[in-house]
């Protein structure tokens, strides 16, 4: 495994360390995951669009933040039309 030195501002370093700690991983692993996701996107964009196969939702290649949100709405079962109506009512009240 190689070593890489990055020069970034102190605020970004602190933020990366906090994020890594919250995820129970290291900054190096976060950076590695980011680089892998970039490589995956690049390889996907080099495939002609008509040859891409539809895929089911999975966590492969997702950025860490997006991956952490997977399943967060799985218990949500409210009717979409009811949600739209509630939101419309909210906006009408807000702007009247």
PDB file of N, CA and C in Angstrom:
ATOM      1  N   UNK A   1       0.849  -1.161   0.000  1.00  0.00           N
ATOM      2  CA  UNK A   1       0.000   0.000   0.000  1.00  0.00           C
ATOM      3  C   UNK A   1       0.900   1.231   0.000  1.00  0.00           C
ATOM      4  N   UNK A   2       0.570   2.207  -0.839  1.00  0.00           N
ATOM      5  CA  UNK A   2       1.358   3.420  -0.956  1.00  0.00           C
ATOM      6  C   UNK A   2       0.957   4.468   0.067  1.00  0.00           C
ATOM      7  N   UNK A   3       1.750   5.519   0.109  1.00  0.00           N
ATOM      8  CA  UNK A   3       1.492   6.627   1.022  1.00  0.00           C
ATOM      9  C   UNK A   3       1.264   7.879   0.189  1.00  0.00           C
ATOM     10  N   UNK A   4       0.323   8.718   0.610  1.00  0.00           N
ATOM     11  CA  UNK A   4      -0.012   9.938  -0.102  1.00  0.00           C
ATOM     12  C   UNK A   4      -0.081  11.080   0.901  1.00  0.00           C
ATOM     13  N   UNK A   5       0.553  12.186   0.587  1.00  0.00           N
ATOM     14  CA  UNK A   5       0.496  13.361   1.444  1.00  0.00           C
ATOM     15  C   UNK A   5      -0.377  14.404   0.774  1.00  0.00           C
ATOM     16  N   UNK A   6      -1.371  14.892   1.491  1.00  0.00           N
ATOM     17  CA  UNK A   6      -2.265  15.924   0.974  1.00  0.00           C
ATOM     18  C   UNK A   6      -2.079  17.198   1.780  1.00  0.00           C
ATOM     19  N   UNK A   7      -2.186  18.322   1.116  1.00  0.00           N
ATOM     20  CA  UNK A   7      -2.115  19.613   1.793  1.00  0.00           C
ATOM     21  C   UNK A   7      -3.489  20.266   1.693  1.00  0.00           C
ATOM     22  N   UNK A   8      -4.213  20.293   2.820  1.00  0.00           N
ATOM     23  CA  UNK A   8      -5.546  20.886   2.873  1.00  0.00           C
ATOM     24  C   UNK A   8      -5.629  21.777   4.112  1.00  0.00           C
ATOM     25  N   UNK A   9      -6.634  22.653   4.130  1.00  0.00           N
ATOM     26  CA  UNK A   9      -6.725  23.573   5.266  1.00  0.00           C
ATOM     27  C   UNK A   9      -7.126  22.845   6.541  1.00  0.00           C
ATOM     28  N   UNK A  10      -6.800  23.468   7.669  1.00  0.00           N
ATOM     29  CA  UNK A  10      -7.016  22.858   8.978  1.00  0.00           C
ATOM     30  C   UNK A  10      -8.478  22.539   9.249  1.00  0.00           C
ATOM     31  N   UNK A  11      -9.380  23.388   8.757  1.00  0.00           N
ATOM     32  CA  UNK A  11     -10.815  23.170   8.967  1.00  0.00           C
ATOM     33  C   UNK A  11     -11.273  21.878   8.284  1.00  0.00           C
ATOM     34  N   UNK A  12     -10.775  21.653   7.082  1.00  0.00           N
ATOM     35  CA  UNK A  12     -11.129  20.436   6.349  1.00  0.00           C
ATOM     36  C   UNK A  12     -10.568  19.195   7.047  1.00  0.00           C
ATOM     37  N   UNK A  13      -9.370  19.300   7.574  1.00  0.00           N
ATOM     38  CA  UNK A  13      -8.772  18.173   8.302  1.00  0.00           C
ATOM     39  C   UNK A  13      -9.628  17.822   9.514  1.00  0.00           C
ATOM     40  N   UNK A  14     -10.012  18.846  10.281  1.00  0.00           N
ATOM     41  CA  UNK A  14     -10.839  18.610  11.472  1.00  0.00           C
ATOM     42  C   UNK A  14     -12.172  17.984  11.088  1.00  0.00           C
ATOM     43  N   UNK A  15     -12.756  18.478  10.007  1.00  0.00           N
ATOM     44  CA  UNK A  15     -14.037  17.940   9.547  1.00  0.00           C
ATOM     45  C   UNK A  15     -13.893  16.486   9.111  1.00  0.00           C
ATOM     46  N   UNK A  16     -12.821  16.179   8.402  1.00  0.00           N
ATOM     47  CA  UNK A  16     -12.586  14.805   7.938  1.00  0.00           C
ATOM     48  C   UNK A  16     -12.369  13.864   9.118  1.00  0.00           C
ATOM     49  N   UNK A  17     -11.624  14.316  10.119  1.00  0.00           N
ATOM     50  CA  UNK A  17     -11.384  13.477  11.302  1.00  0.00           C
ATOM     51  C   UNK A  17     -12.683  13.219  12.056  1.00  0.00           C
ATOM     52  N   UNK A  18     -13.514  14.249  12.168  1.00  0.00           N
ATOM     53  CA  UNK A  18     -14.799  14.094  12.858  1.00  0.00           C
ATOM     54  C   UNK A  18     -15.687  13.109  12.099  1.00  0.00           C
ATOM     55  N   UNK A  19     -15.757  13.273  10.780  1.00  0.00           N
ATOM     56  CA  UNK A  19     -16.570  12.378   9.947  1.00  0.00           C
ATOM     57  C   UNK A  19     -16.091  10.937  10.076  1.00  0.00           C
ATOM     58  N   UNK A  20     -14.776  10.752  10.028  1.00  0.00           N
ATOM     59  CA  UNK A  20     -14.213   9.406  10.142  1.00  0.00           C
ATOM     60  C   UNK A  20     -14.548   8.793  11.500  1.00  0.00           C
ATOM     61  N   UNK A  21     -14.418   9.582  12.557  1.00  0.00           N
ATOM     62  CA  UNK A  21     -14.717   9.075  13.898  1.00  0.00           C
ATOM     63  C   UNK A  21     -16.185   8.676  14.013  1.00  0.00           C
ATOM     64  N   UNK A  22     -17.073   9.491  13.464  1.00  0.00           N
ATOM     65  CA  UNK A  22     -18.505   9.184  13.515  1.00  0.00           C
ATOM     66  C   UNK A  22     -18.832   7.905  12.756  1.00  0.00           C
ATOM     67  N   UNK A  23     -18.062   7.613  11.716  1.00  0.00           N
ATOM     68  CA  UNK A  23     -18.299   6.414  10.916  1.00  0.00           C
ATOM     69  C   UNK A  23     -17.490   5.222  11.397  1.00  0.00           C
ATOM     70  N   UNK A  24     -16.655   5.436  12.412  1.00  0.00           N
ATOM     71  CA  UNK A  24     -15.848   4.338  12.931  1.00  0.00           C
ATOM     72  C   UNK A  24     -14.788   3.878  11.954  1.00  0.00           C
ATOM     73  N   UNK A  25     -14.207   4.813  11.226  1.00  0.00           N
ATOM     74  CA  UNK A  25     -13.187   4.476  10.240  1.00  0.00           C
ATOM     75  C   UNK A  25     -12.074   5.513  10.305  1.00  0.00           C
ATOM     76  N   UNK A  26     -11.156   5.447   9.383  1.00  0.00           N
ATOM     77  CA  UNK A  26     -10.050   6.400   9.358  1.00  0.00           C
ATOM     78  C   UNK A  26     -10.218   7.380   8.202  1.00  0.00           C
ATOM     79  N   UNK A  27      -9.506   8.490   8.294  1.00  0.00           N
ATOM     80  CA  UNK A  27      -9.517   9.462   7.207  1.00  0.00           C
ATOM     81  C   UNK A  27      -8.956   8.804   5.939  1.00  0.00           C
ATOM     82  N   UNK A  28      -7.934   7.987   6.102  1.00  0.00           N
ATOM     83  CA  UNK A  28      -7.357   7.302   4.941  1.00  0.00           C
ATOM     84  C   UNK A  28      -8.392   6.441   4.231  1.00  0.00           C
ATOM     85  N   UNK A  29      -9.209   5.723   4.993  1.00  0.00           N
ATOM     86  CA  UNK A  29     -10.245   4.885   4.364  1.00  0.00           C
ATOM     87  C   UNK A  29     -11.311   5.740   3.690  1.00  0.00           C
ATOM     88  N   UNK A  30     -11.667   6.890   4.299  1.00  0.00           N
ATOM     89  CA  UNK A  30     -12.636   7.788   3.668  1.00  0.00           C
ATOM     90  C   UNK A  30     -12.096   8.300   2.334  1.00  0.00           C
ATOM     91  N   UNK A  31     -10.844   8.719   2.331  1.00  0.00           N
ATOM     92  CA  UNK A  31     -10.235   9.226   1.105  1.00  0.00           C
ATOM     93  C   UNK A  31     -10.153   8.111   0.064  1.00  0.00           C
ATOM     94  N   UNK A  32      -9.780   6.919   0.483  1.00  0.00           N
ATOM     95  CA  UNK A  32      -9.724   5.785  -0.431  1.00  0.00           C
ATOM     96  C   UNK A  32     -11.079   5.495  -1.050  1.00  0.00           C
ATOM     97  N   UNK A  33     -12.140   5.537  -0.231  1.00  0.00           N
ATOM     98  CA  UNK A  33     -13.500   5.293  -0.736  1.00  0.00           C
ATOM     99  C   UNK A  33     -13.894   6.374  -1.743  1.00  0.00           C
ATOM    100  N   UNK A  34     -13.499   7.610  -1.459  1.00  0.00           N
ATOM    101  CA  UNK A  34     -13.797   8.700  -2.374  1.00  0.00           C
ATOM    102  C   UNK A  34     -13.105   8.478  -3.717  1.00  0.00           C
ATOM    103  N   UNK A  35     -11.829   8.136  -3.696  1.00  0.00           N
ATOM    104  CA  UNK A  35     -11.095   7.898  -4.937  1.00  0.00           C
ATOM    105  C   UNK A  35     -11.679   6.708  -5.701  1.00  0.00           C
ATOM    106  N   UNK A  36     -12.098   5.663  -4.990  1.00  0.00           N
ATOM    107  CA  UNK A  36     -12.722   4.518  -5.667  1.00  0.00           C
ATOM    108  C   UNK A  36     -14.030   4.928  -6.333  1.00  0.00           C
ATOM    109  N   UNK A  37     -14.812   5.786  -5.650  1.00  0.00           N
ATOM    110  CA  UNK A  37     -16.075   6.227  -6.249  1.00  0.00           C
ATOM    111  C   UNK A  37     -15.825   7.080  -7.487  1.00  0.00           C
ATOM    112  N   UNK A  38     -14.766   7.893  -7.469  1.00  0.00           N
ATOM    113  CA  UNK A  38     -14.421   8.667  -8.662  1.00  0.00           C
ATOM    114  C   UNK A  38     -14.053   7.745  -9.821  1.00  0.00           C
ATOM    115  N   UNK A  39     -13.250   6.746  -9.522  1.00  0.00           N
ATOM    116  CA  UNK A  39     -12.833   5.798 -10.564  1.00  0.00           C
ATOM    117  C   UNK A  39     -14.040   5.040 -11.117  1.00  0.00           C
ATOM    118  N   UNK A  40     -14.965   4.663 -10.246  1.00  0.00           N
ATOM    119  CA  UNK A  40     -16.156   3.934 -10.691  1.00  0.00           C
ATOM    120  C   UNK A  40     -17.007   4.812 -11.598  1.00  0.00           C
ATOM    121  N   UNK A  41     -17.173   6.081 -11.230  1.00  0.00           N
ATOM    122  CA  UNK A  41     -17.960   6.987 -12.068  1.00  0.00           C
ATOM    123  C   UNK A  41     -17.283   7.191 -13.420  1.00  0.00           C
ATOM    124  N   UNK A  42     -15.968   7.304 -13.400  1.00  0.00           N
ATOM    125  CA  UNK A  42     -15.237   7.506 -14.653  1.00  0.00           C
ATOM    126  C   UNK A  42     -15.417   6.285 -15.561  1.00  0.00           C
ATOM    127  N   UNK A  43     -15.322   5.090 -14.991  1.00  0.00           N
ATOM    128  CA  UNK A  43     -15.467   3.892 -15.821  1.00  0.00           C
ATOM    129  C   UNK A  43     -16.897   3.746 -16.320  1.00  0.00           C
ATOM    130  N   UNK A  44     -17.885   4.166 -15.525  1.00  0.00           N
ATOM    131  CA  UNK A  44     -19.280   4.113 -15.979  1.00  0.00           C
ATOM    132  C   UNK A  44     -19.503   5.086 -17.129  1.00  0.00           C
ATOM    133  N   UNK A  45     -18.885   6.270 -17.053  1.00  0.00           N
ATOM    134  CA  UNK A  45     -19.109   7.266 -18.095  1.00  0.00           C
ATOM    135  C   UNK A  45     -18.399   6.896 -19.390  1.00  0.00           C
ATOM    136  N   UNK A  46     -17.438   5.979 -19.333  1.00  0.00           N
ATOM    137  CA  UNK A  46     -16.751   5.570 -20.557  1.00  0.00           C
ATOM    138  C   UNK A  46     -17.490   4.463 -21.300  1.00  0.00           C
ATOM    139  N   UNK A  47     -18.538   3.901 -20.673  1.00  0.00           N
ATOM    140  CA  UNK A  47     -19.344   2.860 -21.311  1.00  0.00           C
ATOM    141  C   UNK A  47     -20.443   3.549 -22.111  1.00  0.00           C
ATOM    142  N   UNK A  48     -20.650   3.187 -23.380  1.00  0.00           N
ATOM    143  CA  UNK A  48     -21.730   3.807 -24.158  1.00  0.00           C
ATOM    144  C   UNK A  48     -23.063   3.652 -23.443  1.00  0.00           C
ATOM    145  N   UNK A  49     -23.869   4.711 -23.436  1.00  0.00           N
ATOM    146  CA  UNK A  49     -25.104   4.717 -22.657  1.00  0.00           C
ATOM    147  C   UNK A  49     -26.071   3.619 -23.064  1.00  0.00           C
ATOM    148  N   UNK A  50     -26.098   3.229 -24.333  1.00  0.00           N
ATOM    149  CA  UNK A  50     -27.034   2.190 -24.747  1.00  0.00           C
ATOM    150  C   UNK A  50     -26.623   0.800 -24.286  1.00  0.00           C
ATOM    151  N   UNK A  51     -25.371   0.643 -23.828  1.00  0.00           N
ATOM    152  CA  UNK A  51     -24.944  -0.676 -23.369  1.00  0.00           C
ATOM    153  C   UNK A  51     -25.006  -0.806 -21.854  1.00  0.00           C
ATOM    154  N   UNK A  52     -25.404   0.265 -21.175  1.00  0.00           N
ATOM    155  CA  UNK A  52     -25.527   0.196 -19.717  1.00  0.00           C
ATOM    156  C   UNK A  52     -26.763  -0.599 -19.351  1.00  0.00           C
ATOM    157  N   UNK A  53     -26.600  -1.471 -18.380  1.00  0.00           N
ATOM    158  CA  UNK A  53     -27.725  -2.276 -17.923  1.00  0.00           C
ATOM    159  C   UNK A  53     -28.402  -1.561 -16.769  1.00  0.00           C
ATOM    160  N   UNK A  54     -29.738  -1.575 -16.716  1.00  0.00           N
ATOM    161  CA  UNK A  54     -30.405  -1.001 -15.553  1.00  0.00           C
ATOM    162  C   UNK A  54     -30.014  -1.801 -14.322  1.00  0.00           C
ATOM    163  N   UNK A  55     -29.797  -1.115 -13.243  1.00  0.00           N
ATOM    164  CA  UNK A  55     -29.390  -1.792 -12.018  1.00  0.00           C
ATOM    165  C   UNK A  55     -30.380  -1.510 -10.915  1.00  0.00           C
ATOM    166  N   UNK A  56     -30.453  -2.419  -9.989  1.00  0.00           N
ATOM    167  CA  UNK A  56     -31.283  -2.195  -8.823  1.00  0.00           C
ATOM    168  C   UNK A  56     -30.498  -1.351  -7.831  1.00  0.00           C
ATOM    169  N   UNK A  57     -31.195  -0.636  -6.944  1.00  0.00           N
ATOM    170  CA  UNK A  57     -30.487   0.195  -5.980  1.00  0.00           C
ATOM    171  C   UNK A  57     -29.550  -0.639  -5.121  1.00  0.00           C
ATOM    172  N   UNK A  58     -28.326  -0.196  -4.998  1.00  0.00           N
ATOM    173  CA  UNK A  58     -27.365  -0.846  -4.119  1.00  0.00           C
ATOM    174  C   UNK A  58     -26.421   0.212  -3.596  1.00  0.00           C
ATOM    175  N   UNK A  59     -25.603  -0.152  -2.642  1.00  0.00           N
ATOM    176  CA  UNK A  59     -24.693   0.814  -2.044  1.00  0.00           C
ATOM    177  C   UNK A  59     -23.341   0.829  -2.727  1.00  0.00           C
ATOM    178  N   UNK A  60     -23.145   0.008  -3.763  1.00  0.00           N
ATOM    179  CA  UNK A  60     -21.860  -0.035  -4.456  1.00  0.00           C
ATOM    180  C   UNK A  60     -21.554   1.287  -5.135  1.00  0.00           C
ATOM    181  N   UNK A  61     -20.396   1.850  -4.855  1.00  0.00           N
ATOM    182  CA  UNK A  61     -19.950   3.055  -5.514  1.00  0.00           C
ATOM    183  C   UNK A  61     -20.576   4.346  -5.031  1.00  0.00           C
ATOM    184  N   UNK A  62     -21.411   4.283  -4.000  1.00  0.00           N
ATOM    185  CA  UNK A  62     -22.016   5.505  -3.486  1.00  0.00           C
ATOM    186  C   UNK A  62     -21.054   6.229  -2.549  1.00  0.00           C
ATOM    187  N   UNK A  63     -21.113   7.553  -2.547  1.00  0.00           N
ATOM    188  CA  UNK A  63     -20.314   8.291  -1.569  1.00  0.00           C
ATOM    189  C   UNK A  63     -20.755   7.915  -0.154  1.00  0.00           C
ATOM    190  N   UNK A  64     -19.863   8.024   0.819  1.00  0.00           N
ATOM    191  CA  UNK A  64     -20.186   7.598   2.186  1.00  0.00           C
ATOM    192  C   UNK A  64     -21.441   8.246   2.762  1.00  0.00           C
ATOM    193  N   UNK A  65     -21.631   9.550   2.535  1.00  0.00           N
ATOM    194  CA  UNK A  65     -22.804  10.214   3.096  1.00  0.00           C
ATOM    195  C   UNK A  65     -24.085   9.642   2.496  1.00  0.00           C
ATOM    196  N   UNK A  66     -24.100   9.461   1.199  1.00  0.00           N
ATOM    197  CA  UNK A  66     -25.275   8.892   0.542  1.00  0.00           C
ATOM    198  C   UNK A  66     -25.528   7.477   1.036  1.00  0.00           C
ATOM    199  N   UNK A  67     -24.463   6.697   1.155  1.00  0.00           N
ATOM    200  CA  UNK A  67     -24.589   5.318   1.630  1.00  0.00           C
ATOM    201  C   UNK A  67     -25.186   5.292   3.037  1.00  0.00           C
ATOM    202  N   UNK A  68     -24.823   6.268   3.876  1.00  0.00           N
ATOM    203  CA  UNK A  68     -25.335   6.291   5.252  1.00  0.00           C
ATOM    204  C   UNK A  68     -26.835   6.574   5.304  1.00  0.00           C
ATOM    205  N   UNK A  69     -27.385   7.150   4.235  1.00  0.00           N
ATOM    206  CA  UNK A  69     -28.813   7.483   4.206  1.00  0.00           C
ATOM    207  C   UNK A  69     -29.686   6.351   3.663  1.00  0.00           C
ATOM    208  N   UNK A  70     -29.054   5.318   3.094  1.00  0.00           N
ATOM    209  CA  UNK A  70     -29.827   4.209   2.550  1.00  0.00           C
ATOM    210  C   UNK A  70     -30.724   3.592   3.622  1.00  0.00           C
ATOM    211  N   UNK A  71     -31.983   3.406   3.289  1.00  0.00           N
ATOM    212  CA  UNK A  71     -32.925   2.773   4.203  1.00  0.00           C
ATOM    213  C   UNK A  71     -33.534   3.711   5.228  1.00  0.00           C
ATOM    214  N   UNK A  72     -33.134   4.977   5.229  1.00  0.00           N
ATOM    215  CA  UNK A  72     -33.641   5.884   6.259  1.00  0.00           C
ATOM    216  C   UNK A  72     -35.133   6.148   6.124  1.00  0.00           C
ATOM    217  N   UNK A  73     -35.694   5.932   4.948  1.00  0.00           N
ATOM    218  CA  UNK A  73     -37.129   6.120   4.752  1.00  0.00           C
ATOM    219  C   UNK A  73     -37.874   4.805   4.548  1.00  0.00           C
ATOM    220  N   UNK A  74     -37.240   3.694   4.856  1.00  0.00           N
ATOM    221  CA  UNK A  74     -37.861   2.404   4.583  1.00  0.00           C
ATOM    222  C   UNK A  74     -39.158   2.201   5.353  1.00  0.00           C
ATOM    223  N   UNK A  75     -39.306   2.796   6.515  1.00  0.00           N
ATOM    224  CA  UNK A  75     -40.541   2.651   7.286  1.00  0.00           C
ATOM    225  C   UNK A  75     -41.593   3.668   6.909  1.00  0.00           C
ATOM    226  N   UNK A  76     -41.285   4.560   5.992  1.00  0.00           N
ATOM    227  CA  UNK A  76     -42.198   5.626   5.595  1.00  0.00           C
ATOM    228  C   UNK A  76     -43.234   5.064   4.643  1.00  0.00           C
ATOM    229  N   UNK A  77     -44.504   5.136   5.037  1.00  0.00           N
ATOM    230  CA  UNK A  77     -45.524   4.503   4.200  1.00  0.00           C
ATOM    231  C   UNK A  77     -46.687   5.426   3.867  1.00  0.00           C
ATOM    232  N   UNK A  78     -46.531   6.728   4.097  1.00  0.00           N
ATOM    233  CA  UNK A  78     -47.632   7.640   3.815  1.00  0.00           C
ATOM    234  C   UNK A  78     -47.860   7.753   2.313  1.00  0.00           C
ATOM    235  N   UNK A  79     -49.105   7.847   1.928  1.00  0.00           N
ATOM    236  CA  UNK A  79     -49.514   7.966   0.540  1.00  0.00           C
ATOM    237  C   UNK A  79     -48.889   9.219  -0.080  1.00  0.00           C
ATOM    238  N   UNK A  80     -48.212   9.113  -1.235  1.00  0.00           N
ATOM    239  CA  UNK A  80     -47.582  10.281  -1.861  1.00  0.00           C
ATOM    240  C   UNK A  80     -48.573  11.406  -2.173  1.00  0.00           C
ATOM    241  N   UNK A  81     -49.806  11.050  -2.540  1.00  0.00           N
ATOM    242  CA  UNK A  81     -50.801  12.083  -2.829  1.00  0.00           C
ATOM    243  C   UNK A  81     -51.167  12.844  -1.553  1.00  0.00           C
ATOM    244  N   UNK A  82     -51.239  12.134  -0.435  1.00  0.00           N
ATOM    245  CA  UNK A  82     -51.540  12.788   0.839  1.00  0.00           C
ATOM    246  C   UNK A  82     -50.399  13.713   1.242  1.00  0.00           C
ATOM    247  N   UNK A  83     -49.176  13.286   1.008  1.00  0.00           N
ATOM    248  CA  UNK A  83     -48.019  14.123   1.320  1.00  0.00           C
ATOM    249  C   UNK A  83     -48.054  15.385   0.468  1.00  0.00           C
ATOM    250  N   UNK A  84     -48.324  15.234  -0.818  1.00  0.00           N
ATOM    251  CA  UNK A  84     -48.394  16.379  -1.728  1.00  0.00           C
ATOM    252  C   UNK A  84     -49.483  17.350  -1.267  1.00  0.00           C
ATOM    253  N   UNK A  85     -50.626  16.815  -0.865  1.00  0.00           N
ATOM    254  CA  UNK A  85     -51.733  17.666  -0.415  1.00  0.00           C
ATOM    255  C   UNK A  85     -51.367  18.419   0.865  1.00  0.00           C
ATOM    256  N   UNK A  86     -50.734  17.721   1.803  1.00  0.00           N
ATOM    257  CA  UNK A  86     -50.290  18.379   3.042  1.00  0.00           C
ATOM    258  C   UNK A  86     -49.300  19.490   2.740  1.00  0.00           C
ATOM    259  N   UNK A  87     -48.369  19.223   1.825  1.00  0.00           N
ATOM    260  CA  UNK A  87     -47.359  20.223   1.488  1.00  0.00           C
ATOM    261  C   UNK A  87     -47.998  21.418   0.785  1.00  0.00           C
ATOM    262  N   UNK A  88     -48.962  21.155  -0.089  1.00  0.00           N
ATOM    263  CA  UNK A  88     -49.681  22.240  -0.761  1.00  0.00           C
ATOM    264  C   UNK A  88     -50.409  23.095   0.266  1.00  0.00           C
ATOM    265  N   UNK A  89     -51.082  22.462   1.228  1.00  0.00           N
ATOM    266  CA  UNK A  89     -51.763  23.199   2.292  1.00  0.00           C
ATOM    267  C   UNK A  89     -50.773  24.038   3.088  1.00  0.00           C
ATOM    268  N   UNK A  90     -49.627  23.451   3.400  1.00  0.00           N
ATOM    269  CA  UNK A  90     -48.588  24.166   4.141  1.00  0.00           C
ATOM    270  C   UNK A  90     -48.152  25.418   3.379  1.00  0.00           C
ATOM    271  N   UNK A  91     -47.882  25.265   2.083  1.00  0.00           N
ATOM    272  CA  UNK A  91     -47.433  26.403   1.292  1.00  0.00           C
ATOM    273  C   UNK A  91     -48.520  27.471   1.174  1.00  0.00           C
ATOM    274  N   UNK A  92     -49.758  27.046   1.007  1.00  0.00           N
ATOM    275  CA  UNK A  92     -50.851  28.016   0.922  1.00  0.00           C
ATOM    276  C   UNK A  92     -50.973  28.799   2.213  1.00  0.00           C
ATOM    277  N   UNK A  93     -50.877  28.136   3.353  1.00  0.00           N
ATOM    278  CA  UNK A  93     -50.933  28.831   4.648  1.00  0.00           C
ATOM    279  C   UNK A  93     -49.754  29.759   4.832  1.00  0.00           C
ATOM    280  N   UNK A  94     -48.593  29.300   4.420  1.00  0.00           N
ATOM    281  CA  UNK A  94     -47.377  30.086   4.599  1.00  0.00           C
ATOM    282  C   UNK A  94     -47.427  31.372   3.782  1.00  0.00           C
ATOM    283  N   UNK A  95     -47.974  31.305   2.580  1.00  0.00           N
ATOM    284  CA  UNK A  95     -47.945  32.439   1.674  1.00  0.00           C
ATOM    285  C   UNK A  95     -49.275  33.199   1.595  1.00  0.00           C
ATOM    286  N   UNK A  96     -50.161  32.964   2.536  1.00  0.00           N
ATOM    287  CA  UNK A  96     -51.432  33.700   2.511  1.00  0.00           C
ATOM    288  C   UNK A  96     -51.499  34.730   3.606  1.00  0.00           C
TER     289      UNK A  96
END
